[in-house]
């Protein structure tokens, strides 16, 4: 069974709710880099929750987030922020949480594994 990802699911939700399309710049970045196909649904859900709600991304999904790439990560967060469903959120807060999530995962991935 094909695995969906949250960004694709959000896009469908946004379109069905009559939400405005994201800027051409973010859409172009997302399309050119195949951003919407690089993460599985469980990882996307956890990353989304850690950035747009309350929580943190588990160590299990940090590798997949970093594998997405910073360009895709940033473009997807910005596109989501452009949606009217998220108009009440502070963009500065969301961007800060996005950077913090990215940096935490990057540090985890870059840190050496403890010896057994």
PDB file of N, CA and C in Angstrom:
ATOM      1  N   UNK A   1       0.847  -1.184   0.000  1.00  0.00           N
ATOM      2  CA  UNK A   1       0.000   0.000   0.000  1.00  0.00           C
ATOM      3  C   UNK A   1       0.892   1.247   0.000  1.00  0.00           C
ATOM      4  N   UNK A   2       0.584   2.156  -0.835  1.00  0.00           N
ATOM      5  CA  UNK A   2       1.386   3.369  -0.929  1.00  0.00           C
ATOM      6  C   UNK A   2       1.254   4.185   0.349  1.00  0.00           C
ATOM      7  N   UNK A   3       2.381   4.687   0.780  1.00  0.00           N
ATOM      8  CA  UNK A   3       2.340   5.479   2.008  1.00  0.00           C
ATOM      9  C   UNK A   3       2.098   6.938   1.653  1.00  0.00           C
ATOM     10  N   UNK A   4       1.138   7.528   2.308  1.00  0.00           N
ATOM     11  CA  UNK A   4       0.855   8.953   2.127  1.00  0.00           C
ATOM     12  C   UNK A   4       1.774   9.734   3.040  1.00  0.00           C
ATOM     13  N   UNK A   5       1.899  10.979   2.816  1.00  0.00           N
ATOM     14  CA  UNK A   5       2.595  11.824   3.773  1.00  0.00           C
ATOM     15  C   UNK A   5       1.690  12.988   4.129  1.00  0.00           C
ATOM     16  N   UNK A   6       1.960  13.574   5.248  1.00  0.00           N
ATOM     17  CA  UNK A   6       1.081  14.620   5.764  1.00  0.00           C
ATOM     18  C   UNK A   6       1.030  15.827   4.843  1.00  0.00           C
ATOM     19  N   UNK A   7       2.167  16.164   4.245  1.00  0.00           N
ATOM     20  CA  UNK A   7       2.143  17.345   3.394  1.00  0.00           C
ATOM     21  C   UNK A   7       1.187  17.141   2.219  1.00  0.00           C
ATOM     22  N   UNK A   8       1.181  15.947   1.666  1.00  0.00           N
ATOM     23  CA  UNK A   8       0.218  15.665   0.597  1.00  0.00           C
ATOM     24  C   UNK A   8      -1.200  15.697   1.139  1.00  0.00           C
ATOM     25  N   UNK A   9      -1.384  15.096   2.315  1.00  0.00           N
ATOM     26  CA  UNK A   9      -2.709  15.089   2.929  1.00  0.00           C
ATOM     27  C   UNK A   9      -3.169  16.510   3.237  1.00  0.00           C
ATOM     28  N   UNK A  10      -2.252  17.331   3.729  1.00  0.00           N
ATOM     29  CA  UNK A  10      -2.599  18.725   4.012  1.00  0.00           C
ATOM     30  C   UNK A  10      -2.974  19.453   2.729  1.00  0.00           C
ATOM     31  N   UNK A  11      -2.250  19.176   1.667  1.00  0.00           N
ATOM     32  CA  UNK A  11      -2.552  19.825   0.404  1.00  0.00           C
ATOM     33  C   UNK A  11      -3.969  19.477  -0.046  1.00  0.00           C
ATOM     34  N   UNK A  12      -4.326  18.213   0.043  1.00  0.00           N
ATOM     35  CA  UNK A  12      -5.678  17.798  -0.319  1.00  0.00           C
ATOM     36  C   UNK A  12      -6.701  18.478   0.580  1.00  0.00           C
ATOM     37  N   UNK A  13      -6.429  18.490   1.876  1.00  0.00           N
ATOM     38  CA  UNK A  13      -7.330  19.149   2.816  1.00  0.00           C
ATOM     39  C   UNK A  13      -7.491  20.618   2.470  1.00  0.00           C
ATOM     40  N   UNK A  14      -6.395  21.295   2.198  1.00  0.00           N
ATOM     41  CA  UNK A  14      -6.439  22.712   1.898  1.00  0.00           C
ATOM     42  C   UNK A  14      -7.236  22.979   0.631  1.00  0.00           C
ATOM     43  N   UNK A  15      -7.005  22.151  -0.379  1.00  0.00           N
ATOM     44  CA  UNK A  15      -7.721  22.355  -1.632  1.00  0.00           C
ATOM     45  C   UNK A  15      -9.210  22.095  -1.472  1.00  0.00           C
ATOM     46  N   UNK A  16      -9.560  21.077  -0.720  1.00  0.00           N
ATOM     47  CA  UNK A  16     -10.977  20.780  -0.540  1.00  0.00           C
ATOM     48  C   UNK A  16     -11.664  21.805   0.342  1.00  0.00           C
ATOM     49  N   UNK A  17     -10.908  22.476   1.148  1.00  0.00           N
ATOM     50  CA  UNK A  17     -11.486  23.519   2.005  1.00  0.00           C
ATOM     51  C   UNK A  17     -11.503  24.871   1.302  1.00  0.00           C
ATOM     52  N   UNK A  18     -11.034  24.908   0.082  1.00  0.00           N
ATOM     53  CA  UNK A  18     -11.044  26.155  -0.665  1.00  0.00           C
ATOM     54  C   UNK A  18      -9.935  27.096  -0.255  1.00  0.00           C
ATOM     55  N   UNK A  19      -8.886  26.561   0.324  1.00  0.00           N
ATOM     56  CA  UNK A  19      -7.769  27.403   0.753  1.00  0.00           C
ATOM     57  C   UNK A  19      -6.998  27.906  -0.463  1.00  0.00           C
ATOM     58  N   UNK A  20      -6.368  29.032  -0.295  1.00  0.00           N
ATOM     59  CA  UNK A  20      -5.581  29.612  -1.378  1.00  0.00           C
ATOM     60  C   UNK A  20      -4.313  28.795  -1.607  1.00  0.00           C
ATOM     61  N   UNK A  21      -3.854  28.801  -2.837  1.00  0.00           N
ATOM     62  CA  UNK A  21      -2.615  28.082  -3.156  1.00  0.00           C
ATOM     63  C   UNK A  21      -1.416  28.834  -2.575  1.00  0.00           C
ATOM     64  N   UNK A  22      -0.370  28.086  -2.333  1.00  0.00           N
ATOM     65  CA  UNK A  22       0.848  28.665  -1.787  1.00  0.00           C
ATOM     66  C   UNK A  22       1.535  29.505  -2.858  1.00  0.00           C
ATOM     67  N   UNK A  23       2.532  30.257  -2.436  1.00  0.00           N
ATOM     68  CA  UNK A  23       3.239  31.078  -3.407  1.00  0.00           C
ATOM     69  C   UNK A  23       3.921  30.204  -4.436  1.00  0.00           C
ATOM     70  N   UNK A  24       4.123  30.767  -5.602  1.00  0.00           N
ATOM     71  CA  UNK A  24       4.758  30.025  -6.690  1.00  0.00           C
ATOM     72  C   UNK A  24       6.177  29.606  -6.317  1.00  0.00           C
ATOM     73  N   UNK A  25       6.867  30.440  -5.557  1.00  0.00           N
ATOM     74  CA  UNK A  25       8.254  30.128  -5.180  1.00  0.00           C
ATOM     75  C   UNK A  25       8.332  28.833  -4.366  1.00  0.00           C
ATOM     76  N   UNK A  26       7.548  28.728  -3.321  1.00  0.00           N
ATOM     77  CA  UNK A  26       7.567  27.512  -2.501  1.00  0.00           C
ATOM     78  C   UNK A  26       7.070  26.311  -3.290  1.00  0.00           C
ATOM     79  N   UNK A  27       6.028  26.498  -4.083  1.00  0.00           N
ATOM     80  CA  UNK A  27       5.525  25.401  -4.911  1.00  0.00           C
ATOM     81  C   UNK A  27       6.601  24.910  -5.871  1.00  0.00           C
ATOM     82  N   UNK A  28       7.335  25.836  -6.457  1.00  0.00           N
ATOM     83  CA  UNK A  28       8.385  25.470  -7.409  1.00  0.00           C
ATOM     84  C   UNK A  28       9.493  24.680  -6.711  1.00  0.00           C
ATOM     85  N   UNK A  29       9.912  25.141  -5.550  1.00  0.00           N
ATOM     86  CA  UNK A  29      10.945  24.438  -4.773  1.00  0.00           C
ATOM     87  C   UNK A  29      10.465  23.030  -4.433  1.00  0.00           C
ATOM     88  N   UNK A  30       9.237  22.927  -3.975  1.00  0.00           N
ATOM     89  CA  UNK A  30       8.672  21.634  -3.568  1.00  0.00           C
ATOM     90  C   UNK A  30       8.584  20.691  -4.762  1.00  0.00           C
ATOM     91  N   UNK A  31       8.152  21.213  -5.898  1.00  0.00           N
ATOM     92  CA  UNK A  31       8.021  20.386  -7.101  1.00  0.00           C
ATOM     93  C   UNK A  31       9.388  19.945  -7.615  1.00  0.00           C
ATOM     94  N   UNK A  32      10.324  20.881  -7.747  1.00  0.00           N
ATOM     95  CA  UNK A  32      11.640  20.573  -8.303  1.00  0.00           C
ATOM     96  C   UNK A  32      12.414  19.566  -7.453  1.00  0.00           C
ATOM     97  N   UNK A  33      12.174  19.582  -6.153  1.00  0.00           N
ATOM     98  CA  UNK A  33      12.914  18.702  -5.243  1.00  0.00           C
ATOM     99  C   UNK A  33      12.133  17.464  -4.807  1.00  0.00           C
ATOM    100  N   UNK A  34      10.952  17.270  -5.393  1.00  0.00           N
ATOM    101  CA  UNK A  34      10.105  16.129  -5.022  1.00  0.00           C
ATOM    102  C   UNK A  34       9.916  16.028  -3.511  1.00  0.00           C
ATOM    103  N   UNK A  35       9.735  17.161  -2.874  1.00  0.00           N
ATOM    104  CA  UNK A  35       9.665  17.226  -1.408  1.00  0.00           C
ATOM    105  C   UNK A  35       8.536  16.407  -0.806  1.00  0.00           C
ATOM    106  N   UNK A  36       7.420  16.316  -1.499  1.00  0.00           N
ATOM    107  CA  UNK A  36       6.249  15.662  -0.915  1.00  0.00           C
ATOM    108  C   UNK A  36       6.334  14.143  -0.916  1.00  0.00           C
ATOM    109  N   UNK A  37       7.383  13.597  -1.491  1.00  0.00           N
ATOM    110  CA  UNK A  37       7.503  12.137  -1.564  1.00  0.00           C
ATOM    111  C   UNK A  37       8.635  11.593  -0.695  1.00  0.00           C
ATOM    112  N   UNK A  38       9.306  12.438   0.037  1.00  0.00           N
ATOM    113  CA  UNK A  38      10.528  12.021   0.728  1.00  0.00           C
ATOM    114  C   UNK A  38      10.343  11.549   2.164  1.00  0.00           C
ATOM    115  N   UNK A  39       9.170  11.709   2.732  1.00  0.00           N
ATOM    116  CA  UNK A  39       8.941  11.306   4.117  1.00  0.00           C
ATOM    117  C   UNK A  39       7.668  10.478   4.214  1.00  0.00           C
ATOM    118  N   UNK A  40       7.677   9.503   5.106  1.00  0.00           N
ATOM    119  CA  UNK A  40       6.484   8.707   5.356  1.00  0.00           C
ATOM    120  C   UNK A  40       5.523   9.439   6.274  1.00  0.00           C
ATOM    121  N   UNK A  41       4.288   9.000   6.257  1.00  0.00           N
ATOM    122  CA  UNK A  41       3.233   9.639   7.033  1.00  0.00           C
ATOM    123  C   UNK A  41       3.534   9.734   8.530  1.00  0.00           C
ATOM    124  N   UNK A  42       3.996   8.666   9.189  1.00  0.00           N
ATOM    125  CA  UNK A  42       4.245   8.787  10.640  1.00  0.00           C
ATOM    126  C   UNK A  42       5.284   9.865  10.976  1.00  0.00           C
ATOM    127  N   UNK A  43       6.319   9.948  10.162  1.00  0.00           N
ATOM    128  CA  UNK A  43       7.345  10.971  10.394  1.00  0.00           C
ATOM    129  C   UNK A  43       6.784  12.368  10.175  1.00  0.00           C
ATOM    130  N   UNK A  44       6.046  12.543   9.097  1.00  0.00           N
ATOM    131  CA  UNK A  44       5.479  13.853   8.782  1.00  0.00           C
ATOM    132  C   UNK A  44       4.520  14.307   9.874  1.00  0.00           C
ATOM    133  N   UNK A  45       3.690  13.379  10.338  1.00  0.00           N
ATOM    134  CA  UNK A  45       2.747  13.732  11.407  1.00  0.00           C
ATOM    135  C   UNK A  45       3.479  14.214  12.654  1.00  0.00           C
ATOM    136  N   UNK A  46       4.536  13.512  13.010  1.00  0.00           N
ATOM    137  CA  UNK A  46       5.278  13.885  14.212  1.00  0.00           C
ATOM    138  C   UNK A  46       6.019  15.206  14.018  1.00  0.00           C
ATOM    139  N   UNK A  47       6.618  15.392  12.852  1.00  0.00           N
ATOM    140  CA  UNK A  47       7.315  16.649  12.572  1.00  0.00           C
ATOM    141  C   UNK A  47       6.321  17.813  12.562  1.00  0.00           C
ATOM    142  N   UNK A  48       5.174  17.621  11.910  1.00  0.00           N
ATOM    143  CA  UNK A  48       4.149  18.655  11.862  1.00  0.00           C
ATOM    144  C   UNK A  48       3.698  19.037  13.269  1.00  0.00           C
ATOM    145  N   UNK A  49       3.436  18.033  14.100  1.00  0.00           N
ATOM    146  CA  UNK A  49       2.997  18.283  15.474  1.00  0.00           C
ATOM    147  C   UNK A  49       4.057  19.040  16.254  1.00  0.00           C
ATOM    148  N   UNK A  50       5.317  18.679  16.077  1.00  0.00           N
ATOM    149  CA  UNK A  50       6.381  19.345  16.831  1.00  0.00           C
ATOM    150  C   UNK A  50       6.558  20.798  16.414  1.00  0.00           C
ATOM    151  N   UNK A  51       6.217  21.104  15.173  1.00  0.00           N
ATOM    152  CA  UNK A  51       6.405  22.474  14.680  1.00  0.00           C
ATOM    153  C   UNK A  51       5.132  23.320  14.839  1.00  0.00           C
ATOM    154  N   UNK A  52       3.989  22.773  14.471  1.00  0.00           N
ATOM    155  CA  UNK A  52       2.757  23.560  14.446  1.00  0.00           C
ATOM    156  C   UNK A  52       1.884  23.408  15.685  1.00  0.00           C
ATOM    157  N   UNK A  53       2.199  22.438  16.503  1.00  0.00           N
ATOM    158  CA  UNK A  53       1.437  22.243  17.733  1.00  0.00           C
ATOM    159  C   UNK A  53       2.421  22.164  18.883  1.00  0.00           C
ATOM    160  N   UNK A  54       2.229  21.218  19.785  1.00  0.00           N
ATOM    161  CA  UNK A  54       3.131  21.048  20.915  1.00  0.00           C
ATOM    162  C   UNK A  54       3.672  19.635  20.897  1.00  0.00           C
ATOM    163  N   UNK A  55       4.946  19.514  21.093  1.00  0.00           N
ATOM    164  CA  UNK A  55       5.563  18.198  21.118  1.00  0.00           C
ATOM    165  C   UNK A  55       6.950  18.265  20.531  1.00  0.00           C
ATOM    166  N   UNK A  56       7.535  17.115  20.352  1.00  0.00           N
ATOM    167  CA  UNK A  56       8.853  17.057  19.737  1.00  0.00           C
ATOM    168  C   UNK A  56       8.917  15.836  18.843  1.00  0.00           C
ATOM    169  N   UNK A  57       9.813  15.895  17.906  1.00  0.00           N
ATOM    170  CA  UNK A  57       9.992  14.775  16.990  1.00  0.00           C
ATOM    171  C   UNK A  57      10.910  13.764  17.662  1.00  0.00           C
ATOM    172  N   UNK A  58      10.558  12.506  17.571  1.00  0.00           N
ATOM    173  CA  UNK A  58      11.343  11.465  18.226  1.00  0.00           C
ATOM    174  C   UNK A  58      12.630  11.184  17.448  1.00  0.00           C
ATOM    175  N   UNK A  59      13.568  10.615  18.139  1.00  0.00           N
ATOM    176  CA  UNK A  59      14.842  10.254  17.519  1.00  0.00           C
ATOM    177  C   UNK A  59      14.614   9.361  16.302  1.00  0.00           C
ATOM    178  N   UNK A  60      13.599   8.529  16.388  1.00  0.00           N
ATOM    179  CA  UNK A  60      13.281   7.581  15.318  1.00  0.00           C
ATOM    180  C   UNK A  60      13.071   8.284  13.979  1.00  0.00           C
ATOM    181  N   UNK A  61      12.480   9.473  13.998  1.00  0.00           N
ATOM    182  CA  UNK A  61      12.136  10.146  12.752  1.00  0.00           C
ATOM    183  C   UNK A  61      13.099  11.253  12.348  1.00  0.00           C
ATOM    184  N   UNK A  62      14.080  11.558  13.167  1.00  0.00           N
ATOM    185  CA  UNK A  62      15.016  12.637  12.832  1.00  0.00           C
ATOM    186  C   UNK A  62      15.800  12.355  11.550  1.00  0.00           C
ATOM    187  N   UNK A  63      16.207  11.109  11.356  1.00  0.00           N
ATOM    188  CA  UNK A  63      16.955  10.766  10.148  1.00  0.00           C
ATOM    189  C   UNK A  63      16.143  11.013   8.889  1.00  0.00           C
ATOM    190  N   UNK A  64      14.861  10.694   8.956  1.00  0.00           N
ATOM    191  CA  UNK A  64      13.995  10.906   7.800  1.00  0.00           C
ATOM    192  C   UNK A  64      13.780  12.404   7.554  1.00  0.00           C
ATOM    193  N   UNK A  65      13.651  13.175   8.626  1.00  0.00           N
ATOM    194  CA  UNK A  65      13.498  14.623   8.476  1.00  0.00           C
ATOM    195  C   UNK A  65      14.744  15.226   7.835  1.00  0.00           C
ATOM    196  N   UNK A  66      15.909  14.845   8.315  1.00  0.00           N
ATOM    197  CA  UNK A  66      17.157  15.365   7.755  1.00  0.00           C
ATOM    198  C   UNK A  66      17.308  14.892   6.304  1.00  0.00           C
ATOM    199  N   UNK A  67      16.871  13.668   6.025  1.00  0.00           N
ATOM    200  CA  UNK A  67      16.903  13.153   4.657  1.00  0.00           C
ATOM    201  C   UNK A  67      16.023  13.957   3.707  1.00  0.00           C
ATOM    202  N   UNK A  68      14.990  14.568   4.236  1.00  0.00           N
ATOM    203  CA  UNK A  68      14.123  15.434   3.444  1.00  0.00           C
ATOM    204  C   UNK A  68      14.934  16.591   2.865  1.00  0.00           C
ATOM    205  N   UNK A  69      15.859  17.103   3.661  1.00  0.00           N
ATOM    206  CA  UNK A  69      16.683  18.240   3.241  1.00  0.00           C
ATOM    207  C   UNK A  69      16.123  19.542   3.766  1.00  0.00           C
ATOM    208  N   UNK A  70      17.028  20.448   4.076  1.00  0.00           N
ATOM    209  CA  UNK A  70      16.624  21.723   4.666  1.00  0.00           C
ATOM    210  C   UNK A  70      15.789  22.569   3.704  1.00  0.00           C
ATOM    211  N   UNK A  71      16.113  22.523   2.423  1.00  0.00           N
ATOM    212  CA  UNK A  71      15.372  23.311   1.435  1.00  0.00           C
ATOM    213  C   UNK A  71      13.908  22.868   1.404  1.00  0.00           C
ATOM    214  N   UNK A  72      13.701  21.546   1.343  1.00  0.00           N
ATOM    215  CA  UNK A  72      12.326  21.028   1.330  1.00  0.00           C
ATOM    216  C   UNK A  72      11.617  21.325   2.651  1.00  0.00           C
ATOM    217  N   UNK A  73      12.318  21.095   3.746  1.00  0.00           N
ATOM    218  CA  UNK A  73      11.738  21.334   5.072  1.00  0.00           C
ATOM    219  C   UNK A  73      11.236  22.779   5.172  1.00  0.00           C
ATOM    220  N   UNK A  74      12.081  23.716   4.815  1.00  0.00           N
ATOM    221  CA  UNK A  74      11.718  25.137   4.909  1.00  0.00           C
ATOM    222  C   UNK A  74      10.564  25.490   3.977  1.00  0.00           C
ATOM    223  N   UNK A  75      10.610  24.999   2.743  1.00  0.00           N
ATOM    224  CA  UNK A  75       9.556  25.315   1.779  1.00  0.00           C
ATOM    225  C   UNK A  75       8.205  24.748   2.216  1.00  0.00           C
ATOM    226  N   UNK A  76       8.203  23.538   2.747  1.00  0.00           N
ATOM    227  CA  UNK A  76       6.948  22.931   3.198  1.00  0.00           C
ATOM    228  C   UNK A  76       6.372  23.660   4.411  1.00  0.00           C
ATOM    229  N   UNK A  77       7.235  24.067   5.335  1.00  0.00           N
ATOM    230  CA  UNK A  77       6.761  24.824   6.500  1.00  0.00           C
ATOM    231  C   UNK A  77       6.185  26.166   6.049  1.00  0.00           C
ATOM    232  N   UNK A  78       6.892  26.853   5.172  1.00  0.00           N
ATOM    233  CA  UNK A  78       6.419  28.156   4.689  1.00  0.00           C
ATOM    234  C   UNK A  78       5.107  28.023   3.927  1.00  0.00           C
ATOM    235  N   UNK A  79       4.999  26.995   3.097  1.00  0.00           N
ATOM    236  CA  UNK A  79       3.757  26.803   2.357  1.00  0.00           C
ATOM    237  C   UNK A  79       2.596  26.528   3.305  1.00  0.00           C
ATOM    238  N   UNK A  80       2.836  25.731   4.323  1.00  0.00           N
ATOM    239  CA  UNK A  80       1.786  25.446   5.291  1.00  0.00           C
ATOM    240  C   UNK A  80       1.363  26.726   6.011  1.00  0.00           C
ATOM    241  N   UNK A  81       2.319  27.565   6.358  1.00  0.00           N
ATOM    242  CA  UNK A  81       2.011  28.834   7.030  1.00  0.00           C
ATOM    243  C   UNK A  81       1.162  29.764   6.167  1.00  0.00           C
ATOM    244  N   UNK A  82       1.282  29.638   4.864  1.00  0.00           N
ATOM    245  CA  UNK A  82       0.518  30.498   3.964  1.00  0.00           C
ATOM    246  C   UNK A  82      -0.958  30.128   3.917  1.00  0.00           C
ATOM    247  N   UNK A  83      -1.292  28.961   4.415  1.00  0.00           N
ATOM    248  CA  UNK A  83      -2.671  28.507   4.370  1.00  0.00           C
ATOM    249  C   UNK A  83      -3.521  29.257   5.384  1.00  0.00           C
ATOM    250  N   UNK A  84      -4.701  29.698   4.985  1.00  0.00           N
ATOM    251  CA  UNK A  84      -5.581  30.421   5.904  1.00  0.00           C
ATOM    252  C   UNK A  84      -5.947  29.636   7.173  1.00  0.00           C
ATOM    253  N   UNK A  85      -5.878  28.317   7.120  1.00  0.00           N
ATOM    254  CA  UNK A  85      -6.178  27.526   8.314  1.00  0.00           C
ATOM    255  C   UNK A  85      -5.201  27.812   9.450  1.00  0.00           C
ATOM    256  N   UNK A  86      -4.038  28.340   9.109  1.00  0.00           N
ATOM    257  CA  UNK A  86      -3.009  28.602  10.110  1.00  0.00           C
ATOM    258  C   UNK A  86      -2.779  30.098  10.325  1.00  0.00           C
ATOM    259  N   UNK A  87      -3.747  30.911   9.928  1.00  0.00           N
ATOM    260  CA  UNK A  87      -3.594  32.372  10.009  1.00  0.00           C
ATOM    261  C   UNK A  87      -3.417  32.895  11.434  1.00  0.00           C
ATOM    262  N   UNK A  88      -3.899  32.158  12.422  1.00  0.00           N
ATOM    263  CA  UNK A  88      -3.802  32.628  13.804  1.00  0.00           C
ATOM    264  C   UNK A  88      -2.460  32.284  14.458  1.00  0.00           C
ATOM    265  N   UNK A  89      -1.639  31.525  13.766  1.00  0.00           N
ATOM    266  CA  UNK A  89      -0.330  31.171  14.317  1.00  0.00           C
ATOM    267  C   UNK A  89       0.672  32.274  14.018  1.00  0.00           C
ATOM    268  N   UNK A  90       1.615  32.447  14.902  1.00  0.00           N
ATOM    269  CA  UNK A  90       2.677  33.430  14.692  1.00  0.00           C
ATOM    270  C   UNK A  90       3.730  32.839  13.760  1.00  0.00           C
ATOM    271  N   UNK A  91       3.902  33.422  12.575  1.00  0.00           N
ATOM    272  CA  UNK A  91       4.931  32.900  11.664  1.00  0.00           C
ATOM    273  C   UNK A  91       6.321  32.869  12.300  1.00  0.00           C
ATOM    274  N   UNK A  92       6.656  33.886  13.068  1.00  0.00           N
ATOM    275  CA  UNK A  92       7.983  33.920  13.707  1.00  0.00           C
ATOM    276  C   UNK A  92       8.155  32.749  14.673  1.00  0.00           C
ATOM    277  N   UNK A  93       7.104  32.439  15.421  1.00  0.00           N
ATOM    278  CA  UNK A  93       7.158  31.313  16.360  1.00  0.00           C
ATOM    279  C   UNK A  93       7.282  29.993  15.616  1.00  0.00           C
ATOM    280  N   UNK A  94       6.509  29.832  14.557  1.00  0.00           N
ATOM    281  CA  UNK A  94       6.552  28.588  13.785  1.00  0.00           C
ATOM    282  C   UNK A  94       7.915  28.419  13.117  1.00  0.00           C
ATOM    283  N   UNK A  95       8.435  29.474  12.529  1.00  0.00           N
ATOM    284  CA  UNK A  95       9.764  29.388  11.896  1.00  0.00           C
ATOM    285  C   UNK A  95      10.816  29.043  12.949  1.00  0.00           C
ATOM    286  N   UNK A  96      10.722  29.646  14.122  1.00  0.00           N
ATOM    287  CA  UNK A  96      11.678  29.342  15.196  1.00  0.00           C
ATOM    288  C   UNK A  96      11.577  27.876  15.622  1.00  0.00           C
ATOM    289  N   UNK A  97      10.341  27.370  15.749  1.00  0.00           N
ATOM    290  CA  UNK A  97      10.161  25.959  16.114  1.00  0.00           C
ATOM    291  C   UNK A  97      10.659  25.030  15.010  1.00  0.00           C
ATOM    292  N   UNK A  98      10.466  25.454  13.781  1.00  0.00           N
ATOM    293  CA  UNK A  98      10.943  24.677  12.641  1.00  0.00           C
ATOM    294  C   UNK A  98      12.473  24.572  12.655  1.00  0.00           C
ATOM    295  N   UNK A  99      13.126  25.691  12.877  1.00  0.00           N
ATOM    296  CA  UNK A  99      14.595  25.719  12.944  1.00  0.00           C
ATOM    297  C   UNK A  99      15.089  24.896  14.130  1.00  0.00           C
ATOM    298  N   UNK A 100      14.423  25.047  15.264  1.00  0.00           N
ATOM    299  CA  UNK A 100      14.807  24.289  16.453  1.00  0.00           C
ATOM    300  C   UNK A 100      14.661  22.781  16.210  1.00  0.00           C
ATOM    301  N   UNK A 101      13.560  22.373  15.609  1.00  0.00           N
ATOM    302  CA  UNK A 101      13.345  20.955  15.305  1.00  0.00           C
ATOM    303  C   UNK A 101      14.433  20.449  14.365  1.00  0.00           C
ATOM    304  N   UNK A 102      14.712  21.212  13.320  1.00  0.00           N
ATOM    305  CA  UNK A 102      15.754  20.843  12.360  1.00  0.00           C
ATOM    306  C   UNK A 102      17.108  20.705  13.064  1.00  0.00           C
ATOM    307  N   UNK A 103      17.477  21.726  13.830  1.00  0.00           N
ATOM    308  CA  UNK A 103      18.780  21.715  14.502  1.00  0.00           C
ATOM    309  C   UNK A 103      18.904  20.582  15.516  1.00  0.00           C
ATOM    310  N   UNK A 104      17.828  20.303  16.250  1.00  0.00           N
ATOM    311  CA  UNK A 104      17.853  19.191  17.203  1.00  0.00           C
ATOM    312  C   UNK A 104      18.079  17.865  16.484  1.00  0.00           C
ATOM    313  N   UNK A 105      17.389  17.671  15.390  1.00  0.00           N
ATOM    314  CA  UNK A 105      17.555  16.432  14.622  1.00  0.00           C
ATOM    315  C   UNK A 105      18.943  16.349  13.995  1.00  0.00           C
ATOM    316  N   UNK A 106      19.411  17.453  13.468  1.00  0.00           N
ATOM    317  CA  UNK A 106      20.737  17.475  12.856  1.00  0.00           C
ATOM    318  C   UNK A 106      21.814  17.133  13.883  1.00  0.00           C
ATOM    319  N   UNK A 107      21.691  17.702  15.081  1.00  0.00           N
ATOM    320  CA  UNK A 107      22.658  17.405  16.146  1.00  0.00           C
ATOM    321  C   UNK A 107      22.598  15.925  16.520  1.00  0.00           C
ATOM    322  N   UNK A 108      21.414  15.389  16.561  1.00  0.00           N
ATOM    323  CA  UNK A 108      21.256  13.973  16.910  1.00  0.00           C
ATOM    324  C   UNK A 108      21.880  13.075  15.853  1.00  0.00           C
ATOM    325  N   UNK A 109      21.647  13.399  14.601  1.00  0.00           N
ATOM    326  CA  UNK A 109      22.165  12.594  13.494  1.00  0.00           C
ATOM    327  C   UNK A 109      23.689  12.723  13.417  1.00  0.00           C
ATOM    328  N   UNK A 110      24.215  13.922  13.660  1.00  0.00           N
ATOM    329  CA  UNK A 110      25.653  14.159  13.577  1.00  0.00           C
ATOM    330  C   UNK A 110      26.429  13.650  14.786  1.00  0.00           C
ATOM    331  N   UNK A 111      25.740  13.419  15.906  1.00  0.00           N
ATOM    332  CA  UNK A 111      26.458  12.995  17.107  1.00  0.00           C
ATOM    333  C   UNK A 111      26.869  11.533  16.989  1.00  0.00           C
ATOM    334  N   UNK A 112      28.065  11.202  17.483  1.00  0.00           N
ATOM    335  CA  UNK A 112      28.523   9.813  17.402  1.00  0.00           C
ATOM    336  C   UNK A 112      27.693   8.914  18.309  1.00  0.00           C
ATOM    337  N   UNK A 113      27.491   7.695  17.873  1.00  0.00           N
ATOM    338  CA  UNK A 113      26.753   6.729  18.678  1.00  0.00           C
ATOM    339  C   UNK A 113      27.607   6.289  19.857  1.00  0.00           C
ATOM    340  N   UNK A 114      27.003   6.080  21.026  1.00  0.00           N
ATOM    341  CA  UNK A 114      27.779   5.633  22.171  1.00  0.00           C
ATOM    342  C   UNK A 114      28.299   4.211  21.936  1.00  0.00           C
ATOM    343  N   UNK A 115      29.493   3.964  22.422  1.00  0.00           N
ATOM    344  CA  UNK A 115      30.093   2.631  22.283  1.00  0.00           C
ATOM    345  C   UNK A 115      29.408   1.649  23.197  1.00  0.00           C
ATOM    346  N   UNK A 116      29.327   0.407  22.750  1.00  0.00           N
ATOM    347  CA  UNK A 116      28.683  -0.621  23.579  1.00  0.00           C
ATOM    348  C   UNK A 116      29.704  -1.242  24.495  1.00  0.00           C
TER     349      UNK A 116
END
